[in-house]
Amino acid sequence: MERVSPWVAPWLVVVVLVAAATGRSARADPQVPCYFVFGDSLVDNGNNNDIASLARANYPPYGIDFPGGATGRFSNGLTTVDAISRLLGFDDYIPAYAGANNDQLLSGVNFASAAAGIRDETGQQLGQRISLGGQLQNYQAAVQQLVSILGDEDSAANHLSQCIFTVGMGSNDYLNNYFMPAVYSTSRQYTPEQYADVLVSQYTQQLRVLYNNGARKVALMGVGQVGCSPNELAQQSSDGVTCVARINGAIEIFNQKLVELVDQFNTLPGAHFTYINAYGIFQDILRPDGAEQGMLRGGEEQRAGDLPALPDAVRQQERVPLLGRLPPHGGRQHPRREEGLQRRRPLRRPPRRPADACAPLVILYTQPPSQKRRMGYIYRSRAS
């Protein structure tokens, strides 16, 4: 299975971006004609199902809360891409490109592939996957199909210019490449600064392909605090609790260069690129200022237009069944942890509900909660 933790909350910020860009209610008819998705296991919804890969999710317990069972989503139910498509007003979820037909192509498809990276070799130890380069090749083929469906290139270009594109890449280029020295040589070839430059240089060329093939409204996801993911805590943290600083430090270098990349693309005609600060979002969740560890930050809720507020989304605390061995800190379980580690307060989560009943909670802050960060959650350059 892919090593990246299935953190998906930052994609909900894209809903705010869409609402602001369209100026319409998230509960109205479709706000955009189509929605295209590029990424890795965080948003893959079945493109890896029929390829020889260990990074697949078309079997239980994946999909235990999804109608019909496992579909290839690395989730028990909906992904945030599914939630976003509903909030945008689409009648159905955006389908995986591998199984999409021409009618579905008009409203957008999902090209994401688990274990994929910016670099073609990333994730190769997991078998076949569709790198961002491969996803873009599939997108170019889809554009040609749209030209045939709509009649000419101008009609296809006009259609695509109104669509939303979300791109979230880079996590695997670190966890399933740079920080896996037994398989890859990149950490011996490059310093973290040099590696970020190499990644961003290739990413720039790939995003230029996307722009040259009609994409204009693009949300670019930063990489989250993957040094705090369960796998890295288990394998590389000194105590199983403290985040791995060298991994998060490298991620911060990469993310800062993405901000500069957004500035660069927003100088192009018609471009509306936006950076989503996933790292900052998780920083506030994992280490909120003035709050105990393990608890979500409380704060004044701000609503964007008619986005629904869900004040009762977090309910009473309940026991949560765990799969696998217990974490070192023990949670609510009987003490089976290493001596000297302080027991941490358990997370509170809402009771399980059917997938279709689950709606995302979107909270906006008028100021970034952490004054240490240089930016809020959403960044768009003045040129855009």
Protein backbone atom coordinates (compact mmCIF):
# COMPACT_ATOMS: atom_id res chain seq x y z
CA MET A 1 0.00 0.00 0.00
CA GLU A 2 1.13 3.54 -0.66
CA ARG A 3 2.97 5.09 2.25
CA VAL A 4 1.30 8.48 2.16
CA SER A 5 -1.23 8.90 4.97
CA PRO A 6 -4.81 9.32 3.66
CA TRP A 7 -5.17 12.93 4.85
CA VAL A 8 -7.82 14.61 2.77
CA ALA A 9 -9.09 17.66 4.68
CA PRO A 10 -7.17 20.32 2.69
CA TRP A 11 -9.10 19.52 -0.47
CA LEU A 12 -12.18 20.96 1.20
CA VAL A 13 -10.53 24.36 0.92
CA VAL A 14 -10.96 24.00 -2.85
CA VAL A 15 -14.70 24.33 -2.23
CA VAL A 16 -14.06 27.82 -0.90
CA LEU A 17 -11.96 28.61 -3.97
CA VAL A 18 -14.74 27.45 -6.28
CA ALA A 19 -17.41 29.41 -4.44
CA ALA A 20 -15.30 32.55 -4.59
CA ALA A 21 -14.44 32.07 -8.26
CA THR A 22 -18.00 31.49 -9.40
CA GLY A 23 -19.80 33.76 -6.94
CA ARG A 24 -22.62 31.24 -6.67
CA SER A 25 -24.10 29.02 -4.00
CA ALA A 26 -22.55 25.59 -3.52
CA ARG A 27 -26.12 24.18 -3.44
CA ALA A 28 -27.21 25.52 -6.84
CA ASP A 29 -27.09 23.78 -10.21
CA PRO A 30 -23.60 22.87 -11.50
CA GLN A 31 -21.46 25.96 -11.16
CA VAL A 32 -18.93 24.85 -13.76
CA PRO A 33 -19.37 22.61 -16.81
CA CYS A 34 -16.59 20.23 -15.84
CA TYR A 35 -14.12 19.27 -13.13
CA PHE A 36 -10.80 17.51 -13.82
CA VAL A 37 -8.64 15.89 -11.14
CA PHE A 38 -4.93 15.01 -11.12
CA GLY A 39 -3.16 13.44 -8.17
CA ASP A 40 -2.24 10.34 -6.18
CA SER A 41 -3.97 8.04 -3.67
CA LEU A 42 -5.61 10.96 -1.88
CA VAL A 43 -7.97 11.34 -4.83
CA ASP A 44 -7.59 8.16 -6.93
CA ASN A 45 -11.04 6.62 -7.45
CA GLY A 46 -10.25 3.54 -9.51
CA ASN A 47 -7.61 4.21 -12.16
CA ASN A 48 -5.27 1.62 -10.58
CA ASN A 49 -7.88 -1.14 -10.38
CA ASP A 50 -6.84 -3.01 -13.52
CA ILE A 51 -3.08 -2.52 -13.49
CA ALA A 52 -0.37 -4.62 -11.83
CA SER A 53 0.12 -2.52 -8.72
CA LEU A 54 0.29 -2.91 -4.95
CA ALA A 55 -1.27 0.57 -4.71
CA ARG A 56 -4.86 -0.54 -5.24
CA ALA A 57 -7.95 -0.11 -3.11
CA ASN A 58 -10.64 -2.15 -4.88
CA TYR A 59 -11.08 -4.62 -2.02
CA PRO A 60 -12.35 -4.52 1.60
CA PRO A 61 -12.06 -2.87 4.03
CA TYR A 62 -11.89 0.01 1.52
CA GLY A 63 -15.36 1.19 0.56
CA ILE A 64 -17.16 -0.28 3.57
CA ASP A 65 -19.34 2.85 3.74
CA PHE A 66 -19.57 3.45 -0.02
CA PRO A 67 -22.68 2.33 -1.94
CA GLY A 68 -21.71 -0.87 -3.72
CA GLY A 69 -18.52 -1.39 -1.75
CA ALA A 70 -14.88 -0.86 -2.74
CA THR A 71 -14.36 1.13 -5.95
CA GLY A 72 -10.65 1.96 -5.87
CA ARG A 73 -10.96 4.91 -3.50
CA PHE A 74 -8.42 4.88 -0.67
CA SER A 75 -11.20 5.58 1.79
CA ASN A 76 -14.01 3.90 3.68
CA GLY A 77 -16.50 6.03 1.73
CA LEU A 78 -16.36 9.30 -0.17
CA THR A 79 -13.17 11.18 -0.94
CA THR A 80 -13.08 14.95 -0.78
CA VAL A 81 -13.16 15.04 -4.58
CA ASP A 82 -16.55 13.33 -4.33
CA ALA A 83 -17.70 15.90 -1.78
CA ILE A 84 -16.46 18.77 -3.92
CA SER A 85 -18.26 17.44 -7.01
CA ARG A 86 -21.51 17.32 -5.03
CA LEU A 87 -20.99 20.83 -3.66
CA LEU A 88 -20.32 22.05 -7.20
CA GLY A 89 -23.76 20.75 -8.11
CA PHE A 90 -22.91 17.68 -10.20
CA ASP A 91 -25.53 14.92 -10.11
CA ASP A 92 -22.92 12.19 -9.86
CA TYR A 93 -19.32 11.77 -8.75
CA ILE A 94 -16.52 12.57 -11.19
CA PRO A 95 -15.63 9.19 -12.75
CA ALA A 96 -12.21 7.61 -13.09
CA TYR A 97 -10.75 8.18 -16.55
CA ALA A 98 -10.15 4.44 -16.97
CA GLY A 99 -13.88 3.76 -17.18
CA ALA A 100 -15.33 7.04 -18.46
CA ASN A 101 -17.43 7.40 -21.61
CA ASN A 102 -17.80 10.39 -23.94
CA ASP A 103 -20.83 11.82 -22.14
CA GLN A 104 -18.98 11.72 -18.82
CA LEU A 105 -15.93 13.29 -20.42
CA LEU A 106 -17.88 16.49 -21.02
CA SER A 107 -18.36 17.01 -17.28
CA GLY A 108 -14.83 16.00 -16.31
CA VAL A 109 -12.89 12.93 -15.24
CA ASN A 110 -10.41 11.90 -12.57
CA PHE A 111 -6.91 11.02 -13.83
CA ALA A 112 -5.34 10.42 -10.39
CA SER A 113 -3.29 7.31 -9.69
CA ALA A 114 -2.11 5.99 -6.32
CA ALA A 115 1.71 5.99 -5.86
CA ALA A 116 2.10 8.56 -8.66
CA GLY A 117 4.61 11.36 -8.52
CA ILE A 118 5.99 14.27 -10.47
CA ARG A 119 9.00 12.11 -11.35
CA ASP A 120 8.28 9.09 -13.54
CA GLU A 121 10.25 6.64 -11.38
CA THR A 122 8.51 7.63 -8.14
CA GLY A 123 6.59 4.73 -6.57
CA GLN A 124 8.07 2.10 -8.89
CA GLN A 125 8.63 -0.31 -5.98
CA LEU A 126 4.83 -0.59 -5.76
CA GLY A 127 4.42 -1.69 -9.36
CA GLN A 128 2.55 0.07 -12.13
CA ARG A 129 1.12 3.53 -11.58
CA ILE A 130 0.30 6.53 -13.75
CA SER A 131 2.77 9.34 -13.08
CA LEU A 132 1.74 12.94 -13.58
CA GLY A 133 3.35 12.76 -17.01
CA GLY A 134 1.14 9.78 -17.85
CA GLN A 135 -1.93 11.51 -16.44
CA LEU A 136 -1.24 14.48 -18.70
CA GLN A 137 -0.93 12.18 -21.71
CA ASN A 138 -4.37 10.80 -20.85
CA TYR A 139 -5.67 14.35 -20.49
CA GLN A 140 -4.33 15.29 -23.93
CA ALA A 141 -6.11 12.27 -25.39
CA ALA A 142 -9.29 13.39 -23.60
CA VAL A 143 -8.95 16.88 -25.08
CA GLN A 144 -8.80 15.39 -28.58
CA GLN A 145 -11.98 13.46 -27.80
CA LEU A 146 -13.62 16.70 -26.65
CA VAL A 147 -12.65 18.38 -29.92
CA SER A 148 -14.41 15.58 -31.79
CA ILE A 149 -17.48 15.77 -29.55
CA LEU A 150 -17.81 19.58 -29.62
CA GLY A 151 -16.90 19.98 -33.28
CA ASP A 152 -13.77 22.14 -33.28
CA GLU A 153 -10.80 23.28 -31.18
CA ASP A 154 -12.27 26.69 -30.35
CA SER A 155 -15.40 25.13 -28.83
CA ALA A 156 -13.29 22.70 -26.82
CA ALA A 157 -11.00 25.50 -25.61
CA ASN A 158 -13.98 27.61 -24.52
CA HIS A 159 -15.46 24.63 -22.67
CA LEU A 160 -12.21 23.83 -20.85
CA SER A 161 -11.58 27.45 -19.90
CA GLN A 162 -14.68 27.34 -17.69
CA CYS A 163 -13.70 24.13 -15.89
CA ILE A 164 -12.06 23.63 -12.50
CA PHE A 165 -8.79 21.67 -12.34
CA THR A 166 -7.24 20.40 -9.10
CA VAL A 167 -3.66 19.10 -9.04
CA GLY A 168 -2.08 17.56 -5.95
CA MET A 169 1.34 16.00 -6.44
CA GLY A 170 4.65 15.73 -4.59
CA SER A 171 4.01 13.58 -1.51
CA ASN A 172 5.21 10.39 -3.18
CA ASP A 173 8.24 12.14 -4.65
CA TYR A 174 9.42 12.43 -1.06
CA LEU A 175 8.05 9.39 0.77
CA ASN A 176 8.28 6.95 -2.13
CA ASN A 177 11.48 8.35 -3.62
CA TYR A 178 13.73 10.84 -1.84
CA PHE A 179 13.31 9.39 1.66
CA MET A 180 13.60 5.78 0.47
CA PRO A 181 17.39 5.55 -0.09
CA ALA A 182 17.41 1.75 -0.31
CA VAL A 183 15.48 2.00 -3.59
CA TYR A 184 16.23 5.47 -4.97
CA SER A 185 19.45 7.46 -5.31
CA THR A 186 17.92 10.95 -5.30
CA SER A 187 18.83 11.68 -1.66
CA ARG A 188 22.48 10.97 -2.51
CA GLN A 189 22.35 13.06 -5.67
CA TYR A 190 20.61 16.15 -4.31
CA THR A 191 20.33 18.22 -1.16
CA PRO A 192 16.71 18.99 -0.13
CA GLU A 193 17.03 22.43 -1.76
CA GLN A 194 18.39 20.96 -4.99
CA TYR A 195 15.75 18.24 -5.07
CA ALA A 196 12.96 20.80 -4.64
CA ASP A 197 14.42 22.76 -7.57
CA VAL A 198 14.50 19.61 -9.72
CA LEU A 199 10.91 18.73 -8.82
CA VAL A 200 9.55 22.22 -9.39
CA SER A 201 11.37 22.50 -12.71
CA GLN A 202 9.69 19.33 -13.97
CA TYR A 203 6.37 20.32 -12.38
CA THR A 204 6.52 23.65 -14.22
CA GLN A 205 6.87 21.89 -17.58
CA GLN A 206 3.98 19.57 -16.74
CA LEU A 207 1.67 22.38 -15.67
CA ARG A 208 2.57 24.24 -18.84
CA VAL A 209 1.26 21.22 -20.79
CA LEU A 210 -1.96 21.49 -18.79
CA TYR A 211 -2.25 25.21 -19.54
CA ASN A 212 -1.43 24.73 -23.24
CA ASN A 213 -4.27 22.23 -23.44
CA GLY A 214 -6.98 24.53 -22.14
CA ALA A 215 -6.71 24.57 -18.33
CA ARG A 216 -7.18 28.06 -16.90
CA LYS A 217 -8.69 27.69 -13.39
CA VAL A 218 -6.22 25.51 -11.51
CA ALA A 219 -6.00 24.81 -7.76
CA LEU A 220 -2.49 23.63 -6.90
CA MET A 221 -2.26 21.65 -3.67
CA GLY A 222 0.82 21.97 -1.50
CA VAL A 223 2.20 18.89 0.24
CA GLY A 224 1.01 18.33 3.81
CA GLN A 225 3.04 17.44 6.89
CA VAL A 226 3.87 13.94 5.70
CA GLY A 227 6.59 13.75 8.34
CA CYS A 228 3.70 13.39 10.79
CA SER A 229 2.02 10.53 8.90
CA PRO A 230 1.52 7.27 10.83
CA ASN A 231 4.02 5.31 8.73
CA GLU A 232 6.79 7.86 9.21
CA LEU A 233 6.04 8.14 12.94
CA ALA A 234 6.31 4.37 13.23
CA GLN A 235 9.49 4.00 11.19
CA GLN A 236 11.48 7.20 11.57
CA SER A 237 10.28 9.08 14.65
CA SER A 238 12.50 8.74 17.72
CA ASP A 239 9.54 8.15 20.03
CA GLY A 240 6.69 7.27 17.67
CA VAL A 241 4.97 10.56 18.46
CA THR A 242 7.23 13.41 17.36
CA CYS A 243 6.97 14.40 13.69
CA VAL A 244 10.05 13.76 11.55
CA ALA A 245 11.61 17.21 11.19
CA ARG A 246 13.94 16.42 8.28
CA ILE A 247 10.99 15.25 6.16
CA ASN A 248 8.78 18.20 7.02
CA GLY A 249 11.70 20.58 6.48
CA ALA A 250 12.20 19.29 2.94
CA ILE A 251 8.46 19.60 2.29
CA GLU A 252 8.47 23.24 3.40
CA ILE A 253 11.21 24.04 0.88
CA PHE A 254 9.17 22.46 -1.91
CA ASN A 255 5.95 24.21 -0.89
CA GLN A 256 7.56 27.65 -0.86
CA LYS A 257 8.69 27.10 -4.43
CA LEU A 258 5.10 26.21 -5.38
CA VAL A 259 3.99 29.65 -4.22
CA GLU A 260 6.52 31.19 -6.59
CA LEU A 261 5.25 28.85 -9.31
CA VAL A 262 1.70 30.16 -8.87
CA ASP A 263 2.99 33.71 -9.29
CA GLN A 264 4.73 32.65 -12.49
CA PHE A 265 1.67 31.01 -14.05
CA ASN A 266 -0.66 33.85 -13.16
CA THR A 267 1.24 36.10 -15.54
CA LEU A 268 -0.08 34.00 -18.46
CA PRO A 269 -3.20 35.16 -20.35
CA GLY A 270 -6.42 34.02 -18.69
CA ALA A 271 -4.65 31.98 -16.00
CA HIS A 272 -6.17 31.74 -12.52
CA PHE A 273 -3.83 29.53 -10.50
CA THR A 274 -4.32 29.17 -6.75
CA TYR A 275 -2.06 27.59 -4.12
CA ILE A 276 -3.74 25.62 -1.31
CA ASN A 277 -1.58 25.65 1.82
CA ALA A 278 -2.08 22.04 2.96
CA TYR A 279 0.98 22.22 5.20
CA GLY A 280 -0.44 25.17 7.13
CA ILE A 281 -3.83 23.51 7.48
CA PHE A 282 -2.32 20.42 9.08
CA GLN A 283 -0.02 22.54 11.19
CA ASP A 284 -3.08 24.08 12.84
CA ILE A 285 -4.78 20.70 13.24
CA LEU A 286 -1.76 18.90 14.71
CA ARG A 287 -0.25 21.75 16.73
CA PRO A 288 -2.96 24.38 17.29
CA ASP A 289 -1.80 27.42 19.23
CA GLY A 290 -3.18 27.56 22.75
CA ALA A 291 -4.87 24.15 22.58
CA GLU A 292 -4.03 20.69 23.82
CA GLN A 293 -2.42 18.26 21.42
CA GLY A 294 -4.85 15.94 19.72
CA MET A 295 -7.80 18.36 19.74
CA LEU A 296 -9.24 20.36 16.86
CA ARG A 297 -8.89 24.12 17.15
CA GLY A 298 -11.95 26.08 18.12
CA GLY A 299 -12.53 29.50 16.62
CA GLU A 300 -15.02 31.93 15.18
CA GLU A 301 -16.75 30.49 12.16
CA GLN A 302 -16.92 32.56 8.98
CA ARG A 303 -19.20 31.55 6.13
CA ALA A 304 -18.51 32.08 2.44
CA GLY A 305 -21.74 32.99 0.67
CA ASP A 306 -24.26 30.17 1.07
CA LEU A 307 -21.81 27.42 2.00
CA PRO A 308 -23.59 25.33 4.63
CA ALA A 309 -22.36 25.45 8.22
CA LEU A 310 -22.52 22.23 10.22
CA PRO A 311 -22.31 23.22 13.90
CA ASP A 312 -23.24 19.70 15.08
CA ALA A 313 -20.71 17.86 12.90
CA VAL A 314 -18.50 16.99 15.89
CA ARG A 315 -20.56 15.08 18.42
CA GLN A 316 -19.93 13.25 21.66
CA GLN A 317 -16.79 11.23 22.12
CA GLU A 318 -17.09 7.51 21.44
CA ARG A 319 -14.82 4.51 21.28
CA VAL A 320 -13.24 3.93 17.89
CA PRO A 321 -12.25 0.39 16.78
CA LEU A 322 -8.61 0.12 15.75
CA LEU A 323 -7.00 -2.11 13.14
CA GLY A 324 -3.41 -3.24 13.62
CA ARG A 325 -1.15 -2.85 16.61
CA LEU A 326 -1.70 -0.09 19.13
CA PRO A 327 0.18 3.22 18.86
CA PRO A 328 2.89 3.90 21.47
CA HIS A 329 0.80 6.56 23.22
CA GLY A 330 -2.05 4.13 23.85
CA GLY A 331 -4.99 6.44 23.18
CA ARG A 332 -7.99 5.22 25.18
CA GLN A 333 -6.66 1.68 25.35
CA HIS A 334 -5.21 0.05 28.45
CA PRO A 335 -1.55 1.03 28.96
CA ARG A 336 0.54 -0.91 26.44
CA ARG A 337 3.00 1.82 25.65
CA GLU A 338 6.65 2.47 26.28
CA GLU A 339 7.58 3.79 29.69
CA GLY A 340 8.00 7.53 29.99
CA LEU A 341 5.66 8.52 27.13
CA GLN A 342 2.90 10.87 28.18
CA ARG A 343 -0.63 9.70 27.46
CA ARG A 344 -2.25 11.97 24.91
CA ARG A 345 -5.90 12.90 24.84
CA PRO A 346 -7.86 10.92 22.23
CA LEU A 347 -9.27 12.61 19.14
CA ARG A 348 -12.97 13.22 18.98
CA ARG A 349 -14.76 12.09 15.87
CA PRO A 350 -18.40 12.05 14.75
CA PRO A 351 -20.29 8.74 14.71
CA ARG A 352 -20.17 6.78 11.46
CA ARG A 353 -22.85 7.79 9.00
CA PRO A 354 -23.72 6.56 5.49
CA ALA A 355 -21.40 7.96 2.82
CA ASP A 356 -24.10 10.06 1.17
CA ALA A 357 -25.05 11.59 4.51
CA CYS A 358 -21.54 12.88 5.16
CA ALA A 359 -21.01 16.52 4.21
CA PRO A 360 -17.71 18.34 4.77
CA LEU A 361 -17.33 20.99 7.42
CA VAL A 362 -15.79 24.12 5.92
CA ILE A 363 -14.42 26.71 8.34
CA LEU A 364 -12.76 29.90 7.14
CA TYR A 365 -10.61 32.17 9.27
CA THR A 366 -10.44 35.90 8.73
CA GLN A 367 -6.79 35.62 9.81
CA PRO A 368 -4.45 32.62 9.75
CA PRO A 369 -4.80 31.02 13.23
CA SER A 370 -1.04 30.60 13.47
CA GLN A 371 0.79 33.93 13.38
CA LYS A 372 4.01 32.09 12.58
CA ARG A 373 2.87 31.28 9.06
CA ARG A 374 3.55 33.63 6.19
CA MET A 375 0.21 33.07 4.51
CA GLY A 376 -3.30 31.82 5.10
CA TYR A 377 -4.79 28.70 3.61
CA ILE A 378 -5.41 30.04 0.10
CA TYR A 379 -2.89 32.06 -1.89
CA ARG A 380 -3.43 33.81 -5.20
CA SER A 381 -0.97 36.32 -6.54
CA ARG A 382 -2.10 39.84 -7.32
CA ALA A 383 -1.56 39.21 -11.01
CA SER A 384 -4.46 36.75 -11.01
